[in-house]
Protein backbone atom coordinates (compact mmCIF):
# COMPACT_ATOMS: atom_id res chain seq x y z
CA MET A 1 63.50 98.03 54.40
CA ASN A 2 64.08 98.58 58.15
CA ILE A 3 64.92 102.07 59.18
CA VAL A 4 66.47 102.82 62.48
CA GLN A 5 67.69 106.27 63.74
CA GLU A 6 71.25 106.19 64.78
CA PRO A 7 73.41 109.22 65.69
CA LEU A 8 76.07 110.54 63.27
CA PRO A 9 77.55 113.81 64.22
CA ALA A 10 77.54 116.38 61.35
CA GLY A 11 80.54 118.20 62.61
CA GLN A 12 79.04 121.61 62.07
CA PRO A 13 77.92 123.17 65.23
CA LEU A 14 75.78 125.91 63.45
CA ALA A 15 73.81 123.17 61.63
CA ASP A 16 73.54 121.16 64.91
CA ALA A 17 72.09 124.12 66.72
CA LEU A 18 69.70 125.02 64.05
CA ILE A 19 67.83 121.66 64.98
CA GLN A 20 68.85 121.08 68.41
CA ASP A 21 68.68 124.50 70.10
CA TYR A 22 67.41 127.08 67.65
CA THR A 23 67.38 129.95 70.14
CA ARG A 24 71.20 129.92 70.12
CA VAL A 25 71.29 130.75 66.47
CA SER A 26 68.06 132.45 65.92
CA SER A 27 69.91 135.83 65.08
CA PHE A 28 71.59 134.17 62.16
CA TYR A 29 68.47 132.26 60.68
CA GLU A 30 65.03 133.43 59.98
CA TYR A 31 62.84 130.40 60.76
CA ASP A 32 62.96 127.51 63.17
CA PRO A 33 61.90 124.58 60.63
CA GLN A 34 60.49 122.44 63.49
CA GLU A 35 57.84 125.36 64.31
CA GLU A 36 54.53 124.78 62.62
CA ARG A 37 54.04 128.56 62.52
CA SER A 38 57.28 129.09 60.59
CA TRP A 39 55.83 127.44 57.41
CA LYS A 40 52.61 129.62 57.40
CA GLU A 41 54.66 132.80 58.11
CA ARG A 42 57.09 132.03 55.43
CA LEU A 43 54.22 131.30 52.90
CA ASP A 44 52.44 134.45 53.84
CA TRP A 45 55.73 136.44 53.22
CA LEU A 46 56.09 135.05 49.78
CA ASP A 47 52.50 135.84 48.95
CA GLN A 48 52.99 139.39 50.04
CA ASN A 49 56.18 139.83 48.14
CA GLU A 50 55.60 138.28 44.84
CA GLY A 51 57.01 141.41 42.99
CA VAL A 52 60.66 141.08 44.41
CA ARG A 53 61.29 138.09 42.23
CA VAL A 54 61.85 137.52 38.52
CA GLY A 55 58.60 137.07 36.74
CA ARG A 56 57.02 133.67 36.88
CA GLU A 57 55.99 133.50 33.26
CA ALA A 58 59.44 134.25 31.94
CA LEU A 59 61.11 131.77 34.57
CA VAL A 60 58.71 128.88 33.81
CA SER A 61 58.98 129.44 30.16
CA ARG A 62 62.80 128.70 30.26
CA LEU A 63 62.53 125.96 32.75
CA ARG A 64 59.89 124.20 30.41
CA GLU A 65 62.43 124.34 27.51
CA TYR A 66 65.28 122.94 29.67
CA ASN A 67 63.30 120.18 31.33
CA ARG A 68 61.90 119.23 27.91
CA LEU A 69 65.40 118.43 26.80
CA HIS A 70 66.69 116.62 29.97
CA ASN A 71 63.62 115.72 32.16
CA PRO A 72 60.57 115.40 29.99
CA GLU A 73 58.25 113.71 32.29
CA ASP A 74 54.54 114.48 32.70
CA ALA A 75 54.73 115.05 36.31
CA VAL A 76 57.47 117.71 35.77
CA ALA A 77 55.30 119.39 33.09
CA ALA A 78 52.36 119.45 35.51
CA ASN A 79 54.59 120.98 38.30
CA LEU A 80 55.77 123.63 35.91
CA GLU A 81 52.16 124.49 35.05
CA LEU A 82 51.60 124.94 38.80
CA LEU A 83 54.86 126.95 39.27
CA ALA A 84 53.49 129.48 36.71
CA GLN A 85 50.42 130.26 39.07
CA PRO A 86 50.85 132.83 41.85
CA GLY A 87 50.81 131.22 45.19
CA THR A 88 52.61 128.22 44.20
CA ALA A 89 55.87 127.78 46.27
CA VAL A 90 58.97 125.71 45.84
CA ILE A 91 61.26 123.53 47.95
CA VAL A 92 64.68 123.80 46.47
CA GLY A 93 68.18 122.24 46.89
CA GLY A 94 71.26 121.77 44.68
CA GLN A 95 74.53 120.22 44.19
CA GLN A 96 77.35 120.07 41.55
CA SER A 97 76.95 117.82 38.60
CA GLY A 98 79.18 115.00 39.38
CA LEU A 99 80.16 111.94 37.46
CA PHE A 100 77.39 109.25 37.52
CA THR A 101 75.61 112.09 39.80
CA GLY A 102 78.54 111.89 42.44
CA PRO A 103 78.19 110.58 46.00
CA LEU A 104 75.04 109.30 47.39
CA LEU A 105 74.36 112.50 49.33
CA VAL A 106 73.34 114.02 46.06
CA ILE A 107 70.58 111.39 45.78
CA TYR A 108 69.44 111.82 49.35
CA LYS A 109 69.18 115.62 48.72
CA ALA A 110 66.93 115.12 45.72
CA VAL A 111 64.96 112.64 47.98
CA THR A 112 64.71 115.26 50.62
CA ILE A 113 63.46 118.05 48.42
CA ILE A 114 60.69 115.68 46.94
CA LYS A 115 59.58 114.48 50.36
CA ALA A 116 59.62 117.94 51.92
CA ALA A 117 57.68 119.59 49.07
CA ARG A 118 55.19 116.82 49.44
CA GLU A 119 54.81 117.33 53.29
CA ALA A 120 54.63 121.14 52.96
CA SER A 121 51.91 120.88 50.40
CA ARG A 122 49.90 118.65 52.48
CA LYS A 123 50.45 120.77 55.66
CA LEU A 124 49.64 124.12 53.93
CA GLU A 125 47.02 122.95 51.32
CA ARG A 126 49.01 124.81 48.75
CA PRO A 127 50.86 123.52 45.53
CA VAL A 128 54.60 123.19 46.61
CA VAL A 129 57.01 122.09 43.76
CA PRO A 130 60.39 120.41 44.18
CA VAL A 131 63.19 121.97 42.37
CA PHE A 132 66.78 120.58 42.10
CA TRP A 133 69.36 123.44 41.43
CA ILE A 134 72.34 121.96 39.40
CA ALA A 135 75.30 124.19 40.18
CA GLY A 136 76.77 123.93 36.56
CA GLU A 137 78.58 127.26 37.06
CA ASP A 138 81.18 125.73 39.61
CA HIS A 139 84.45 125.27 38.06
CA ASP A 140 86.25 122.92 40.46
CA TRP A 141 86.64 120.13 38.10
CA ASP A 142 88.63 117.89 40.35
CA GLU A 143 85.53 117.77 42.73
CA VAL A 144 83.06 116.42 40.17
CA ASN A 145 85.22 114.32 37.60
CA HIS A 146 85.28 110.97 39.75
CA THR A 147 83.21 108.97 41.87
CA TYR A 148 83.70 105.68 44.11
CA VAL A 149 82.38 102.27 44.42
CA LEU A 150 83.46 99.19 46.42
CA SER A 151 84.89 96.56 44.36
CA ALA A 152 84.50 92.88 44.79
CA SER A 153 88.21 92.79 46.05
CA LEU A 154 87.03 94.97 48.93
CA GLU A 155 88.93 98.19 47.36
CA VAL A 156 87.51 101.70 47.49
CA SER A 157 87.82 102.10 43.66
CA ARG A 158 87.62 105.39 41.89
CA VAL A 159 86.28 106.00 38.50
CA ARG A 160 87.41 109.11 36.84
CA ILE A 161 87.12 111.10 33.70
CA ALA A 162 90.33 111.48 31.87
CA ASP A 163 91.82 114.83 31.78
CA GLY A 164 90.94 117.50 29.21
CA HIS A 165 89.17 120.22 31.32
CA GLU A 166 90.44 123.71 30.97
CA GLN A 167 91.52 125.15 34.41
CA GLY A 168 88.81 127.48 35.74
CA LYS A 169 86.23 126.61 33.25
CA PRO A 170 82.54 126.04 34.54
CA VAL A 171 81.55 122.42 34.32
CA SER A 172 78.48 123.08 32.25
CA TRP A 173 80.90 124.70 29.64
CA THR A 174 83.25 121.66 29.49
CA GLU A 175 82.32 119.51 26.60
CA LEU A 176 83.26 115.83 26.58
CA SER A 177 83.90 113.48 23.81
CA PRO A 178 82.36 110.07 23.16
CA GLU A 179 85.62 108.45 23.93
CA VAL A 180 85.87 109.97 27.42
CA TRP A 181 82.21 108.93 28.23
CA GLU A 182 82.99 105.22 27.06
CA GLN A 183 86.18 105.30 29.06
CA ALA A 184 84.21 106.17 32.23
CA ALA A 185 81.47 103.77 31.40
CA GLY A 186 83.87 100.82 30.75
CA GLU A 187 85.76 101.43 33.91
CA LEU A 188 82.65 101.44 36.13
CA GLU A 189 81.29 98.27 34.25
CA ARG A 190 84.38 96.49 35.10
CA LEU A 191 84.14 97.43 38.82
CA LEU A 192 80.50 96.43 39.24
CA PRO A 193 79.66 92.87 40.03
CA GLU A 194 77.74 91.06 37.35
CA THR A 195 73.98 91.12 38.43
CA GLU A 196 70.59 90.96 36.68
CA PHE A 197 70.56 94.83 36.90
CA ARG A 198 73.99 95.74 35.52
CA PRO A 199 73.23 95.52 31.65
CA GLY A 200 70.30 97.89 31.98
CA LEU A 201 71.94 100.27 34.36
CA MET A 202 74.97 100.71 31.91
CA GLU A 203 72.66 101.06 29.02
CA LEU A 204 70.86 103.77 30.80
CA PHE A 205 74.15 105.62 31.45
CA ARG A 206 75.39 105.34 27.95
CA THR A 207 72.20 106.38 26.57
CA CYS A 208 72.17 109.47 28.68
CA ALA A 209 75.84 110.12 27.91
CA ALA A 210 75.39 109.68 24.11
CA SER A 211 72.98 112.63 24.05
CA SER A 212 74.98 114.82 26.44
CA ALA A 213 77.65 117.19 25.61
CA THR A 214 78.66 118.01 29.29
CA LEU A 215 78.73 116.45 32.76
CA SER A 216 75.92 118.70 33.73
CA GLU A 217 73.59 117.50 30.87
CA CYS A 218 74.35 113.77 31.57
CA PHE A 219 73.68 114.57 35.39
CA ALA A 220 70.43 116.16 34.36
CA LYS A 221 69.22 113.30 32.32
CA LEU A 222 70.09 110.83 34.98
CA MET A 223 68.42 112.78 37.72
CA GLY A 224 65.38 113.17 35.40
CA HIS A 225 65.21 109.45 34.75
CA TRP A 226 65.03 108.62 38.40
CA PHE A 227 63.13 111.55 39.87
CA GLY A 228 61.27 113.24 37.06
CA LYS A 229 58.27 110.91 37.78
CA TYR A 230 58.18 112.66 41.23
CA GLY A 231 57.84 115.98 39.47
CA LEU A 232 61.31 117.21 40.44
CA VAL A 233 61.97 120.13 38.21
CA LEU A 234 65.62 120.55 37.09
CA LEU A 235 67.42 123.93 36.81
CA ASP A 236 70.97 124.50 35.56
CA SER A 237 72.56 127.75 37.16
CA ALA A 238 74.93 128.05 34.01
CA ASP A 239 72.18 128.02 31.69
CA PRO A 240 72.72 131.28 29.32
CA ALA A 241 68.85 131.78 28.97
CA LEU A 242 68.36 131.65 32.60
CA ARG A 243 71.44 134.09 33.11
CA ARG A 244 69.61 136.57 30.99
CA LEU A 245 66.63 136.56 33.25
CA GLU A 246 68.94 136.96 36.20
CA ALA A 247 70.84 140.01 34.67
CA PRO A 248 68.70 142.64 36.63
CA VAL A 249 69.64 140.73 39.93
CA PHE A 250 73.35 140.80 38.98
CA GLU A 251 73.08 144.42 38.21
CA ALA A 252 71.62 145.10 41.70
CA MET A 253 74.46 143.19 43.24
CA ILE A 254 77.06 145.28 41.53
CA ALA A 255 75.50 148.61 41.93
CA ARG A 256 74.92 147.82 45.80
CA ASN A 257 78.14 145.62 46.28
CA ASP A 258 79.42 147.74 48.98
CA GLU A 259 76.27 147.14 50.98
CA LEU A 260 76.36 143.42 50.52
CA GLU A 261 80.07 143.37 51.50
CA GLU A 262 79.11 145.18 54.60
CA ALA A 263 76.26 142.85 55.60
CA TYR A 264 78.58 139.67 55.05
CA LEU A 265 81.15 141.19 57.05
CA GLU A 266 78.84 142.18 59.89
CA ASN A 267 77.24 138.67 59.94
CA SER A 268 80.83 137.20 60.08
CA ARG A 269 81.75 139.38 62.97
CA LEU A 270 78.54 138.35 65.00
CA ILE A 271 79.10 134.64 64.29
CA LYS A 272 82.65 134.86 65.55
CA GLU A 273 81.56 136.80 68.57
CA VAL A 274 79.52 133.99 69.80
CA GLY A 275 82.27 131.40 69.27
CA TYR A 276 81.34 129.69 65.90
CA THR A 277 83.82 129.19 63.09
CA LEU A 278 83.15 130.65 59.55
CA GLN A 279 82.23 128.33 56.92
CA ALA A 280 82.93 130.52 54.04
CA ASP A 281 85.69 133.04 53.11
CA VAL A 282 84.44 136.57 53.83
CA ARG A 283 87.08 139.09 53.01
CA GLU A 284 87.13 142.85 52.73
CA GLY A 285 86.85 144.12 49.29
CA GLY A 286 85.42 140.73 48.14
CA ALA A 287 82.69 141.34 45.38
CA ASN A 288 81.35 137.90 45.90
CA LEU A 289 80.95 137.53 42.03
CA PHE A 290 82.68 135.55 39.35
CA TYR A 291 83.47 136.96 35.87
CA ILE A 292 84.33 134.52 33.08
CA HIS A 293 87.18 135.87 31.04
CA GLU A 294 88.26 133.85 28.02
CA GLY A 295 86.62 130.67 29.60
CA GLU A 296 88.22 131.06 33.11
CA ARG A 297 85.97 131.77 36.00
CA LEU A 298 87.67 134.50 37.91
CA LEU A 299 86.58 135.81 41.37
CA LEU A 300 86.17 139.48 41.65
CA TYR A 301 87.44 141.97 44.28
CA LYS A 302 87.33 145.66 44.80
CA GLN A 303 90.43 147.71 44.76
CA GLU A 304 91.04 151.34 43.90
CA GLY A 305 87.54 151.84 42.49
CA LYS A 306 87.77 148.83 40.13
CA PHE A 307 86.35 145.21 40.01
CA GLY A 308 89.18 143.06 39.09
CA ASP A 309 90.71 139.55 39.85
CA ARG A 310 93.70 138.72 41.87
CA LYS A 311 95.62 137.63 38.74
CA GLY A 312 95.29 140.97 37.15
CA LYS A 313 93.60 139.53 34.04
CA VAL A 314 90.48 141.96 34.25
CA ALA A 315 89.70 145.41 35.82
CA PHE A 316 86.53 147.26 35.43
CA SER A 317 84.87 150.32 37.03
CA GLN A 318 81.44 149.57 38.19
CA GLU A 319 79.88 151.30 35.12
CA GLU A 320 82.12 149.12 32.79
CA LEU A 321 81.13 146.02 34.77
CA ILE A 322 77.41 146.79 34.42
CA GLY A 323 77.92 147.39 30.68
CA GLU A 324 79.68 144.06 30.55
CA LEU A 325 76.60 142.56 32.25
CA ARG A 326 74.14 143.95 29.74
CA ALA A 327 76.12 142.91 26.86
CA HIS A 328 77.20 139.54 28.12
CA PRO A 329 75.15 138.06 31.12
CA GLU A 330 76.52 134.58 30.50
CA ARG A 331 79.78 135.71 31.51
CA PHE A 332 78.53 136.31 35.35
CA SER A 333 78.04 133.96 37.99
CA ASN A 334 77.41 133.91 41.82
CA ASN A 335 79.79 132.63 44.56
CA VAL A 336 78.45 130.69 47.78
CA LEU A 337 77.20 133.89 49.44
CA THR A 338 75.28 135.43 46.54
CA ARG A 339 73.97 132.36 45.18
CA PRO A 340 71.35 132.09 48.04
CA LEU A 341 70.14 135.67 46.91
CA MET A 342 70.00 134.76 43.36
CA GLN A 343 68.02 131.60 44.27
CA ASP A 344 65.48 133.59 46.13
CA SER A 345 65.23 136.32 43.48
CA LEU A 346 64.42 133.57 40.95
CA LEU A 347 62.05 131.12 42.83
CA PRO A 348 59.37 131.46 45.50
CA VAL A 349 61.52 129.56 47.88
CA LEU A 350 59.50 128.21 50.88
CA GLY A 351 62.50 125.99 52.16
CA ALA A 352 65.99 125.28 51.08
CA VAL A 353 67.25 121.80 51.71
CA LEU A 354 71.00 121.97 52.68
CA GLY A 355 73.84 120.03 54.10
CA PRO A 356 75.53 120.80 57.22
CA GLY A 357 78.22 122.78 55.67
CA GLU A 358 75.69 124.79 53.61
CA ILE A 359 73.51 125.50 56.77
CA ALA A 360 76.76 126.82 58.36
CA TYR A 361 77.69 129.15 55.63
CA TRP A 362 74.06 130.50 54.99
CA ALA A 363 74.51 131.94 58.46
CA LEU A 364 76.54 134.74 56.82
CA THR A 365 73.73 135.74 54.34
CA ARG A 366 70.86 136.87 56.67
CA LEU A 367 71.62 140.53 56.64
CA ALA A 368 72.36 140.37 52.98
CA PHE A 369 69.01 138.97 52.34
CA ARG A 370 67.45 142.00 54.06
CA LYS A 371 69.63 144.42 52.20
CA PHE A 372 67.94 143.06 48.87
CA ASP A 373 64.34 143.36 50.46
CA LEU A 374 64.40 139.43 50.58
CA GLN A 375 64.01 137.17 53.64
CA MET A 376 66.08 134.02 54.14
CA PRO A 377 63.97 130.96 53.59
CA ILE A 378 63.25 127.86 55.97
CA LEU A 379 66.46 125.85 56.15
CA LEU A 380 65.91 122.22 55.98
CA PRO A 381 68.55 119.82 56.79
CA ARG A 382 69.25 117.12 53.97
CA GLU A 383 68.20 113.61 55.29
CA SER A 384 71.24 111.41 56.09
CA PHE A 385 71.35 107.57 55.63
CA THR A 386 73.80 104.66 55.81
CA VAL A 387 72.78 101.60 53.89
CA MET A 388 73.37 98.46 56.02
CA GLU A 389 73.32 95.43 53.62
CA GLY A 390 72.19 91.97 55.06
CA THR A 391 75.70 90.67 55.01
CA LEU A 392 76.99 93.44 57.05
CA GLN A 393 74.27 92.93 59.59
CA LYS A 394 75.36 89.29 60.00
CA HIS A 395 78.99 90.20 60.51
CA MET A 396 78.22 92.75 62.94
CA GLU A 397 76.12 90.36 64.99
CA LYS A 398 78.81 87.72 64.78
CA TYR A 399 81.54 89.83 66.22
CA GLY A 400 79.16 91.64 68.68
CA LEU A 401 79.49 95.08 66.97
CA GLN A 402 76.96 97.78 67.40
CA TRP A 403 76.58 101.04 65.49
CA LYS A 404 78.70 103.14 67.86
CA ASP A 405 81.52 100.58 67.59
CA VAL A 406 81.63 101.07 63.63
CA ALA A 407 80.90 104.84 63.69
CA ASP A 408 84.15 105.52 65.76
CA ARG A 409 87.23 104.44 63.73
CA ASP A 410 89.34 103.80 66.68
CA ALA A 411 86.70 102.01 68.63
CA LEU A 412 86.25 99.48 65.66
CA ARG A 413 90.10 98.99 65.47
CA LEU A 414 90.16 98.03 69.27
CA LYS A 415 87.34 95.67 68.81
CA ARG A 416 89.19 94.11 65.76
CA GLU A 417 92.48 93.77 67.88
CA ALA A 418 90.51 92.34 70.79
CA TRP A 419 88.83 89.83 68.65
CA LEU A 420 92.13 88.84 67.09
CA ALA A 421 93.78 88.45 70.35
CA GLY A 422 90.75 86.27 71.55
CA GLN A 423 91.79 83.80 68.68
CA ASP A 424 95.27 83.43 70.20
CA SER A 425 95.00 80.14 72.24
CA LEU A 426 98.72 80.13 72.88
CA ASN A 427 98.62 83.65 74.13
CA VAL A 428 101.60 84.37 71.91
CA GLY A 429 101.81 88.09 72.56
CA ASP A 430 102.17 87.85 76.46
CA ARG A 431 104.57 84.81 76.23
CA PHE A 432 107.01 86.87 73.93
CA GLU A 433 106.90 89.65 76.43
CA GLU A 434 107.59 87.09 79.30
CA ILE A 435 110.65 85.85 77.32
CA LYS A 436 111.89 89.30 76.47
CA ALA A 437 111.85 90.24 80.14
CA ALA A 438 113.57 87.01 81.36
CA PHE A 439 116.20 87.13 78.74
CA THR A 440 117.07 90.80 79.69
CA ALA A 441 116.77 90.01 83.37
CA MET A 442 119.62 87.40 82.84
CA TYR A 443 121.69 89.14 80.39
CA ASP A 444 121.88 92.73 81.70
CA PRO A 445 123.59 91.60 84.92
CA LEU A 446 126.15 89.59 82.74
CA ILE A 447 126.88 92.65 80.61
CA GLU A 448 127.73 94.57 83.71
CA GLN A 449 130.10 92.02 85.04
CA LEU A 450 131.95 91.78 81.61
CA GLY A 451 132.60 95.50 82.12
CA THR A 452 135.12 94.60 84.96
CA ILE A 453 136.93 92.67 82.45
CA GLN A 454 137.18 95.29 79.78
CA ALA A 455 135.14 98.49 79.48
CA GLY A 456 134.46 98.00 75.78
CA LEU A 457 132.49 94.73 76.44
CA VAL A 458 129.63 96.63 78.02
CA LYS A 459 128.90 98.49 74.64
CA LEU A 460 129.38 95.24 72.73
CA GLY A 461 127.26 93.41 75.16
CA GLY A 462 124.51 96.01 74.80
CA ALA A 463 124.58 95.87 70.95
CA ASN A 464 124.51 92.06 71.06
CA ARG A 465 121.38 92.08 73.59
CA ASP A 466 119.43 94.57 71.32
CA LYS A 467 120.12 92.36 68.30
CA ILE A 468 118.69 89.28 70.04
CA VAL A 469 115.72 91.39 71.17
CA ASP A 470 115.20 92.43 67.64
CA GLN A 471 115.20 88.82 66.52
CA ILE A 472 112.65 87.91 69.21
CA GLU A 473 110.42 90.85 68.03
CA TYR A 474 110.88 89.71 64.48
CA LEU A 475 109.71 86.25 65.44
CA ARG A 476 106.66 87.69 67.27
CA GLY A 477 105.82 89.64 64.20
CA LYS A 478 105.91 86.62 62.13
CA ALA A 479 103.69 84.79 64.76
CA LYS A 480 101.08 87.68 64.58
CA ASP A 481 101.23 87.54 60.63
CA ALA A 482 100.55 83.86 60.92
CA LEU A 483 97.81 84.36 63.52
CA GLU A 484 96.24 87.05 61.19
CA LYS A 485 96.54 84.74 58.12
CA SER A 486 94.86 81.92 59.95
CA ASN A 487 91.92 84.29 60.93
CA GLU A 488 91.86 86.08 57.62
CA ALA A 489 88.24 85.38 56.80
CA GLY A 490 87.26 87.18 60.11
CA LEU A 491 89.51 90.06 59.54
CA ARG A 492 88.09 90.53 56.01
CA HIS A 493 84.70 90.68 57.66
CA PHE A 494 85.89 93.71 59.80
CA ASP A 495 87.48 95.24 56.62
CA ARG A 496 84.14 94.77 54.76
CA ILE A 497 82.25 96.56 57.69
CA GLU A 498 84.50 99.37 57.73
CA LEU A 499 85.03 99.76 54.06
CA SER A 500 81.10 99.65 53.42
CA LEU A 501 80.09 101.83 56.08
CA PHE A 502 82.90 104.41 56.45
CA PRO A 503 85.08 104.25 53.42
CA LEU A 504 88.20 106.50 53.47
CA GLY A 505 87.32 107.40 56.85
CA LYS A 506 84.12 109.18 55.73
CA PRO A 507 80.45 108.45 56.07
CA GLN A 508 79.39 106.21 53.33
CA GLU A 509 77.05 108.85 51.84
CA ARG A 510 79.92 111.09 51.09
CA VAL A 511 81.93 108.63 49.18
CA TYR A 512 80.04 105.92 47.29
CA ASN A 513 78.01 106.20 44.06
CA ILE A 514 74.33 105.12 43.56
CA PHE A 515 75.16 102.94 40.66
CA TYR A 516 76.60 100.45 43.15
CA TYR A 517 73.37 100.07 45.10
CA LEU A 518 71.25 100.17 41.95
CA ASN A 519 73.42 97.36 40.57
CA ARG A 520 72.71 95.33 43.60
CA TYR A 521 69.17 96.09 44.30
CA GLY A 522 67.52 97.53 41.01
CA ALA A 523 65.64 101.00 40.49
CA ASP A 524 63.09 100.20 43.04
CA TRP A 525 65.49 101.00 45.57
CA ILE A 526 65.06 104.71 44.80
CA ASP A 527 61.30 104.31 45.18
CA GLY A 528 62.00 102.86 48.61
CA LEU A 529 63.97 106.03 49.63
CA THR A 530 61.22 108.26 48.58
CA GLY A 531 58.67 106.10 50.69
CA ILE A 532 60.77 106.55 53.87
CA PRO A 533 58.78 109.02 56.08
CA TYR A 534 60.12 112.67 55.92
CA ASP A 535 62.16 113.90 58.88
CA VAL A 536 62.60 117.62 59.07
CA THR A 537 65.25 117.29 61.39
CA GLY A 538 67.42 115.40 58.87
CA SER A 539 68.68 113.03 61.58
CA HIS A 540 70.86 110.20 60.55
CA ARG A 541 69.14 106.93 59.85
CA ILE A 542 70.22 103.43 58.96
CA ILE A 543 68.52 101.64 56.05
CA TYR A 544 68.70 97.87 56.85
CA LEU A 545 68.33 95.83 53.60
């Protein structure tokens, strides 16, 4: 592996400023991740405020049970023993449980969590445990029921689980049949090229799926298989046993909901005042909590002294909602604004690994943390990578392409057109333009003269001229098609570059699935990722293979 840093804009000004100009956004975040003193200050705060979180013993007991089922590695058990001890901190990050683990960025987030925890432990001379928060409570099935691979025929191919999910139901509550698992496995297997790694890779997935009732369970087993040996502890936010531990935190969120709402609205006002765009929906009357009614996850709002949903399916007074919580804690879950508070109420979070969008919406939460006597942790950008396979490197060298050329879709299109034009030894495009210009120069005066014979001939002549020009254009199009066909191999090289690095017009890490790369390079590829030096800035790097 050869690693080279190359720019790739995140497209999130708040996330960019956190790393590039922290003073501009210091009023929205608590710590500058690049300042050495931030790490010691955050650790000191955790030590002094042990009592604001759920008890370690109960938390670790539940995490032991969950990881024993899905992530039974010795390194995980050892880290949970450490987490049970006061003074141990965590680096945490999370994602939805996507099919085959979803896009590559999920893998990169896990790798970042592991490396950041390792680096923090070394720097602070204190145990720091990596934790991955599986967002199983999320209910957007269309976001997680598919993934993409690049097929041998150069198509961005989608693998999707067949329908059967109930609208609004949390992903961790959605059970899948053996037939559904096999349909997805068979589809992926057909798309992956035949390699020495494919049989073992598909066996791994089928084994994980066979012992999984839900997408979240299969996700956990796959992540445990790849990262458990690094001590990565897994947690499912929809775990009913965990929810019971969270009940006092939810009760405080309900009882002090007006204070939370005020904090989010104030932060949103301050962010807009300095010219940034909000990355999460902050509305007056928003409770920022979900209630699960008859399997459907409903976002709650406050109106006329009641907590209810927009569909009018449920309505509770504050006392009634707290009563529901005490009787059925599993029916409650967080939204994107209260999840950070819940995370820090459960875990001694030294740092949270986040993507650019997450960093942007966390800016809305600083005052809410303080309302709960909490403090926003250090925010650590997820590391960003693009995998550049050897064949792509050769293609780029052949056509004189640099990273900046392929990172800009329009620039790559112009390079492609310029290369194709360079293959036109007859200079067909210019010659057709010359012929059109010469033809119209001769024909237009004749049309005007015909008008002296009969006025109607001018209109007829114009229509006749346009038909002839259309035929010239038709022949030019055919000539261009023939030119492209005769240079098809080169054009496919351009297509492969674009489809490999920026499929669907997006960075590779946001589209393609890890199974494609494991099928080509084997499981050692993940070990290679964990060996890349940690970069606290999360700057984009290219992995040359």
